[in-house]
Amino acid sequence: MRLLLLLILWALAALAGPEKLDPILRMLVEAPAELRPAVLAPYGEEPDPCLPVFVELQSGAVGWELPGARSLFGHLATATVPLSRLPRLAEHPGVLRIWASRPLEPLLDRSVPEIGAPALWYGTPGTTGQGVVLGIVDSGVDVLHPAFRTETGGSRLLFYWDQTSPGMGWFPPFWGDEPGEGLYGRVYERRDLEAALRAGTNPAPDALGHGTHVAGIAAGGSALGLPGVAPGADLVVVKTNFYEDSVLDGIRFVLEAARYLGRPAVVNLSLGGHAGSHDGRSPLERAVDLLA
């Protein structure tokens, strides 16, 4: 009888792990051999790809102890985990649930005249965004574009983080030094960008053009006669890889930069997707609420 009870408890514990995986991860883990190449194709050609995930933790669980941990947002951690290790991670007693980090799509809404921005510029008191840090988390920006230069020809970008560049361990002056918190990719400060302007090179090109478009609408200068909503603001731009966890890192980067500079900040996120309930309960929405 005791042996039977132990077997039942073991079976229940084994089933609890997969139940903690969201439908996307369960599909990837349980895919039949003949379907695995197709379902794993978006994650690369490796037989055991590393997947970006969100991990919800029990109260008191230490996120940095998770394999592949990258960032913490309250009880939510982001991590990069090999597919084969997801079932074992799900069995960890400190883990409540694991979600796939889904790619977002670049989207754009309204243009400057339609929202009446000029009324803000010329009203009393007028404002053009001067003294404000405007963050753009998108596909990057064309740093050579005249819309993002000062009246003297310098760069209006204070920082430019290229998440897609190979590299790890960047520590801007405002970033923490906790284990695992060194920035991936490459961070360019204003002096780096002004050197790029003098050389006529863009260190992190905006291949999609979407981020440049969005940044122009949000904060383009009047050099070409087409100012954005806040032509007086300074910019902190993040060229993201479009996964939700990296987008969150980008938002945090902008806010930490503004806090370091002692300025108010606004973050533009012209990205979205159709997956999920859109009711404020997804890991992305909850983490954004915490950051805000």
Protein backbone atom coordinates (compact mmCIF):
# COMPACT_ATOMS: atom_id res chain seq x y z
CA MET A 1 0.00 0.00 0.00
CA ARG A 2 2.81 2.39 0.91
CA LEU A 3 4.61 1.61 -2.35
CA LEU A 4 1.43 2.29 -4.33
CA LEU A 5 0.99 5.65 -2.58
CA LEU A 6 4.58 6.62 -3.38
CA LEU A 7 4.08 5.70 -7.03
CA ILE A 8 0.92 7.82 -7.21
CA LEU A 9 2.66 10.81 -5.62
CA TRP A 10 5.60 10.43 -8.01
CA ALA A 11 3.25 10.36 -11.00
CA LEU A 12 1.45 13.50 -9.82
CA ALA A 13 4.76 15.30 -9.33
CA ALA A 14 5.86 14.30 -12.83
CA LEU A 15 2.62 15.66 -14.32
CA ALA A 16 2.91 18.94 -12.43
CA GLY A 17 5.98 20.00 -14.40
CA PRO A 18 4.43 20.06 -17.90
CA GLU A 19 1.30 21.75 -16.51
CA LYS A 20 3.46 24.74 -15.61
CA LEU A 21 4.43 25.27 -19.26
CA ASP A 22 2.29 27.55 -21.41
CA PRO A 23 0.68 26.06 -24.58
CA ILE A 24 3.51 27.23 -26.85
CA LEU A 25 6.20 25.61 -24.72
CA ARG A 26 4.19 22.41 -24.26
CA MET A 27 3.78 22.17 -28.02
CA LEU A 28 7.54 22.57 -28.51
CA VAL A 29 8.46 20.09 -25.78
CA GLU A 30 5.92 17.45 -26.83
CA ALA A 31 6.23 17.81 -30.62
CA PRO A 32 6.51 14.41 -32.39
CA ALA A 33 9.86 13.72 -34.02
CA GLU A 34 8.49 14.17 -37.54
CA LEU A 35 7.13 17.64 -36.68
CA ARG A 36 10.04 18.96 -34.62
CA PRO A 37 11.96 20.51 -37.56
CA ALA A 38 8.89 22.54 -38.55
CA VAL A 39 7.84 23.73 -35.08
CA LEU A 40 11.41 24.54 -34.04
CA ALA A 41 12.33 26.34 -37.28
CA PRO A 42 11.65 29.86 -35.86
CA TYR A 43 14.21 29.18 -33.11
CA GLY A 44 17.10 28.15 -35.37
CA GLU A 45 18.46 24.94 -36.79
CA GLU A 46 19.94 23.55 -33.57
CA PRO A 47 18.36 20.29 -32.35
CA ASP A 48 18.12 21.73 -28.82
CA PRO A 49 17.59 25.49 -29.27
CA CYS A 50 17.76 27.94 -26.37
CA LEU A 51 14.39 29.62 -25.86
CA PRO A 52 13.69 33.01 -24.23
CA VAL A 53 11.09 32.53 -21.49
CA PHE A 54 9.30 34.20 -18.57
CA VAL A 55 9.36 32.35 -15.24
CA GLU A 56 6.88 33.17 -12.47
CA LEU A 57 8.42 32.43 -9.06
CA GLN A 58 7.03 31.46 -5.69
CA SER A 59 7.37 34.15 -3.03
CA GLY A 60 10.88 33.87 -1.63
CA ALA A 61 12.35 32.03 -4.62
CA VAL A 62 15.63 33.50 -5.89
CA GLY A 63 15.46 34.23 -9.61
CA TRP A 64 19.21 34.39 -10.12
CA GLU A 65 19.41 30.70 -9.17
CA LEU A 66 17.46 29.74 -12.30
CA PRO A 67 19.51 28.45 -15.23
CA GLY A 68 19.95 31.15 -17.86
CA ALA A 69 18.42 33.93 -15.71
CA ARG A 70 18.69 37.39 -17.30
CA SER A 71 16.43 39.90 -15.53
CA LEU A 72 14.01 40.14 -12.60
CA PHE A 73 10.69 42.02 -12.48
CA GLY A 74 9.16 41.36 -9.06
CA HIS A 75 8.24 37.65 -9.02
CA LEU A 76 8.81 37.39 -12.79
CA ALA A 77 12.19 36.39 -14.17
CA THR A 78 13.36 36.26 -17.77
CA ALA A 79 15.71 33.47 -18.79
CA THR A 80 17.18 31.73 -21.82
CA VAL A 81 16.78 27.97 -21.41
CA PRO A 82 17.57 25.00 -23.69
CA LEU A 83 14.38 23.28 -24.84
CA SER A 84 15.46 19.96 -23.32
CA ARG A 85 15.78 21.55 -19.85
CA LEU A 86 12.32 23.12 -19.73
CA PRO A 87 10.58 20.07 -18.17
CA ARG A 88 13.16 19.91 -15.37
CA LEU A 89 12.88 23.67 -14.79
CA ALA A 90 9.09 23.29 -14.56
CA GLU A 91 9.53 20.72 -11.78
CA HIS A 92 11.51 23.21 -9.66
CA PRO A 93 9.46 23.85 -6.47
CA GLY A 94 10.10 27.59 -6.69
CA VAL A 95 8.61 27.85 -10.20
CA LEU A 96 4.88 28.55 -10.59
CA ARG A 97 4.63 28.86 -14.37
CA ILE A 98 6.77 29.31 -17.49
CA TRP A 99 5.73 31.26 -20.59
CA ALA A 100 7.40 31.54 -23.98
CA SER A 101 8.70 35.03 -24.77
CA ARG A 102 6.80 35.80 -27.96
CA PRO A 103 8.02 38.05 -30.78
CA LEU A 104 6.16 41.35 -31.13
CA GLU A 105 5.39 43.13 -34.38
CA PRO A 106 6.32 46.72 -35.28
CA LEU A 107 3.13 48.81 -35.47
CA LEU A 108 2.40 52.52 -35.95
CA ASP A 109 -0.67 54.58 -35.09
CA ARG A 110 -1.32 58.30 -35.70
CA SER A 111 0.69 61.15 -37.18
CA VAL A 112 1.50 64.54 -35.69
CA PRO A 113 -1.21 66.76 -37.25
CA GLU A 114 -3.98 64.33 -36.33
CA ILE A 115 -3.29 64.67 -32.60
CA GLY A 116 -2.98 68.47 -32.58
CA ALA A 117 0.64 68.59 -31.37
CA PRO A 118 1.20 72.17 -32.65
CA ALA A 119 -1.30 73.42 -30.06
CA LEU A 120 1.14 72.23 -27.38
CA TRP A 121 4.11 73.92 -29.00
CA TYR A 122 2.49 77.33 -29.35
CA GLY A 123 0.14 77.28 -26.35
CA THR A 124 0.69 78.91 -22.98
CA PRO A 125 2.93 77.57 -21.61
CA GLY A 126 4.28 76.02 -24.75
CA THR A 127 6.29 72.81 -24.67
CA THR A 128 8.34 70.92 -27.24
CA GLY A 129 9.66 68.23 -24.91
CA GLN A 130 12.82 70.09 -23.96
CA GLY A 131 14.43 68.54 -20.86
CA VAL A 132 12.54 65.26 -21.31
CA VAL A 133 14.07 61.89 -22.20
CA LEU A 134 12.05 60.21 -24.94
CA GLY A 135 12.71 56.49 -25.20
CA ILE A 136 12.17 54.55 -28.42
CA VAL A 137 12.18 50.74 -28.13
CA ASP A 138 11.94 49.53 -31.71
CA SER A 139 14.01 48.42 -34.70
CA GLY A 140 16.70 51.04 -34.10
CA VAL A 141 17.20 54.45 -35.69
CA ASP A 142 19.17 56.06 -38.49
CA VAL A 143 21.58 58.09 -36.34
CA LEU A 144 22.75 60.00 -39.45
CA HIS A 145 19.26 61.33 -40.22
CA PRO A 146 18.98 65.15 -39.96
CA ALA A 147 15.83 64.77 -37.81
CA PHE A 148 17.97 63.45 -34.95
CA ARG A 149 20.65 66.14 -34.92
CA THR A 150 20.96 69.26 -32.79
CA GLU A 151 21.03 72.75 -34.27
CA THR A 152 24.84 72.59 -34.16
CA GLY A 153 24.97 69.24 -35.95
CA GLY A 154 25.52 67.00 -32.91
CA SER A 155 23.51 63.92 -31.99
CA ARG A 156 20.24 64.17 -30.07
CA LEU A 157 20.70 60.57 -28.94
CA LEU A 158 22.04 60.30 -25.38
CA PHE A 159 22.32 56.50 -25.47
CA TYR A 160 21.72 53.88 -28.15
CA TRP A 161 21.52 50.23 -27.06
CA ASP A 162 21.78 47.68 -29.86
CA GLN A 163 20.44 44.46 -28.34
CA THR A 164 21.08 42.56 -31.57
CA SER A 165 24.84 43.12 -31.63
CA PRO A 166 27.04 40.21 -30.47
CA GLY A 167 28.49 40.83 -27.04
CA MET A 168 27.76 40.71 -23.32
CA GLY A 169 28.65 42.52 -20.13
CA TRP A 170 28.13 46.21 -20.95
CA PHE A 171 27.69 48.37 -17.85
CA PRO A 172 26.59 51.96 -18.62
CA PRO A 173 27.05 54.34 -15.67
CA PHE A 174 23.40 54.01 -14.64
CA TRP A 175 23.07 50.21 -14.89
CA GLY A 176 23.22 47.82 -11.90
CA ASP A 177 26.03 45.37 -11.29
CA GLU A 178 23.97 42.47 -9.89
CA PRO A 179 24.89 38.98 -11.14
CA GLY A 180 23.49 38.46 -14.61
CA GLU A 181 22.67 42.13 -15.15
CA GLY A 182 25.48 43.04 -17.51
CA LEU A 183 23.85 44.23 -20.72
CA TYR A 184 23.96 42.06 -23.80
CA GLY A 185 24.53 43.64 -27.20
CA ARG A 186 26.35 46.99 -27.45
CA VAL A 187 25.70 50.39 -25.85
CA TYR A 188 26.70 53.59 -27.66
CA GLU A 189 26.91 56.85 -25.71
CA ARG A 190 26.54 60.30 -27.25
CA ARG A 191 30.29 60.69 -27.79
CA ASP A 192 30.32 57.40 -29.74
CA LEU A 193 27.42 58.55 -31.89
CA GLU A 194 28.95 61.94 -32.61
CA ALA A 195 32.15 60.18 -33.70
CA ALA A 196 29.95 58.11 -36.02
CA LEU A 197 28.40 61.31 -37.39
CA ARG A 198 31.83 62.72 -38.17
CA ALA A 199 32.78 59.46 -39.90
CA GLY A 200 29.45 59.25 -41.72
CA THR A 201 28.78 55.72 -40.45
CA ASN A 202 25.84 54.20 -38.58
CA PRO A 203 27.08 51.71 -35.95
CA ALA A 204 23.66 50.03 -35.59
CA PRO A 205 21.58 50.54 -38.75
CA ASP A 206 17.79 50.39 -38.66
CA ALA A 207 17.27 47.66 -41.26
CA LEU A 208 13.46 47.75 -40.99
CA GLY A 209 13.14 51.54 -40.96
CA HIS A 210 10.23 51.29 -38.52
CA GLY A 211 12.13 52.68 -35.53
CA THR A 212 13.40 55.64 -37.56
CA HIS A 213 9.83 56.33 -38.74
CA VAL A 214 8.44 56.12 -35.20
CA ALA A 215 11.25 58.22 -33.70
CA GLY A 216 10.70 60.85 -36.40
CA ILE A 217 7.00 61.10 -35.60
CA ALA A 218 7.65 61.14 -31.83
CA ALA A 219 10.60 63.52 -31.68
CA GLY A 220 11.97 64.42 -35.09
CA GLY A 221 13.57 67.85 -35.32
CA SER A 222 12.47 70.55 -37.75
CA ALA A 223 15.56 70.36 -40.00
CA LEU A 224 13.47 69.03 -42.89
CA GLY A 225 10.33 71.02 -42.06
CA LEU A 226 8.56 67.97 -40.61
CA PRO A 227 8.97 68.12 -36.82
CA GLY A 228 7.71 65.32 -34.60
CA VAL A 229 5.45 65.60 -31.57
CA ALA A 230 8.32 66.52 -29.21
CA PRO A 231 11.08 68.06 -31.35
CA GLY A 232 12.89 69.43 -28.28
CA ALA A 233 13.30 66.11 -26.45
CA ASP A 234 16.52 64.12 -26.17
CA LEU A 235 16.46 60.49 -27.24
CA VAL A 236 17.40 57.15 -25.70
CA VAL A 237 16.94 54.47 -28.34
CA VAL A 238 16.91 50.69 -27.99
CA LYS A 239 17.29 48.52 -31.08
CA THR A 240 15.42 45.47 -29.82
CA ASN A 241 15.24 41.88 -31.03
CA PHE A 242 11.43 42.18 -30.58
CA TYR A 243 11.03 39.44 -27.95
CA GLU A 244 8.95 40.51 -24.99
CA ASP A 245 11.69 39.96 -22.40
CA SER A 246 14.17 42.08 -24.35
CA VAL A 247 11.53 44.78 -24.92
CA LEU A 248 11.13 44.95 -21.12
CA ASP A 249 14.89 45.27 -20.73
CA GLY A 250 14.74 48.14 -23.21
CA ILE A 251 12.03 49.98 -21.28
CA ARG A 252 14.01 49.59 -18.08
CA PHE A 253 17.15 50.87 -19.85
CA VAL A 254 15.37 54.10 -20.84
CA LEU A 255 13.96 54.67 -17.35
CA GLU A 256 17.30 54.01 -15.65
CA ALA A 257 19.05 56.40 -18.06
CA ALA A 258 16.51 59.14 -17.31
CA ARG A 259 16.82 58.56 -13.55
CA TYR A 260 20.61 58.84 -13.86
CA LEU A 261 20.22 62.15 -15.73
CA GLY A 262 17.58 63.45 -13.30
CA ARG A 263 14.99 63.93 -16.03
CA PRO A 264 11.41 62.84 -16.64
CA ALA A 265 10.98 60.12 -19.25
CA VAL A 266 8.44 58.90 -21.76
CA VAL A 267 8.81 55.54 -23.52
CA ASN A 268 7.28 54.91 -26.94
CA LEU A 269 6.45 51.27 -27.72
CA SER A 270 4.87 51.02 -31.18
CA LEU A 271 4.91 47.23 -31.02
CA GLY A 272 2.20 44.67 -30.51
CA GLY A 273 0.79 41.27 -31.31
CA HIS A 274 -2.45 39.29 -31.42
CA ALA A 275 -1.58 36.50 -28.95
CA GLY A 276 -2.95 36.49 -25.42
CA SER A 277 -6.04 37.84 -23.69
CA HIS A 278 -5.01 41.54 -23.61
CA ASP A 279 -6.51 41.90 -20.13
CA GLY A 280 -3.43 43.08 -18.27
CA ARG A 281 -2.50 39.66 -16.87
CA SER A 282 0.24 38.56 -19.27
CA PRO A 283 3.85 38.59 -18.01
CA LEU A 284 4.66 41.49 -20.34
CA GLU A 285 1.73 43.62 -19.17
CA ARG A 286 2.39 42.91 -15.51
CA ALA A 287 6.09 43.73 -15.80
CA VAL A 288 5.32 46.99 -17.66
CA ASP A 289 2.96 47.93 -14.81
CA LEU A 290 5.78 47.36 -12.32
CA LEU A 291 8.19 49.48 -14.34
CA ALA A 292 5.64 52.27 -14.65
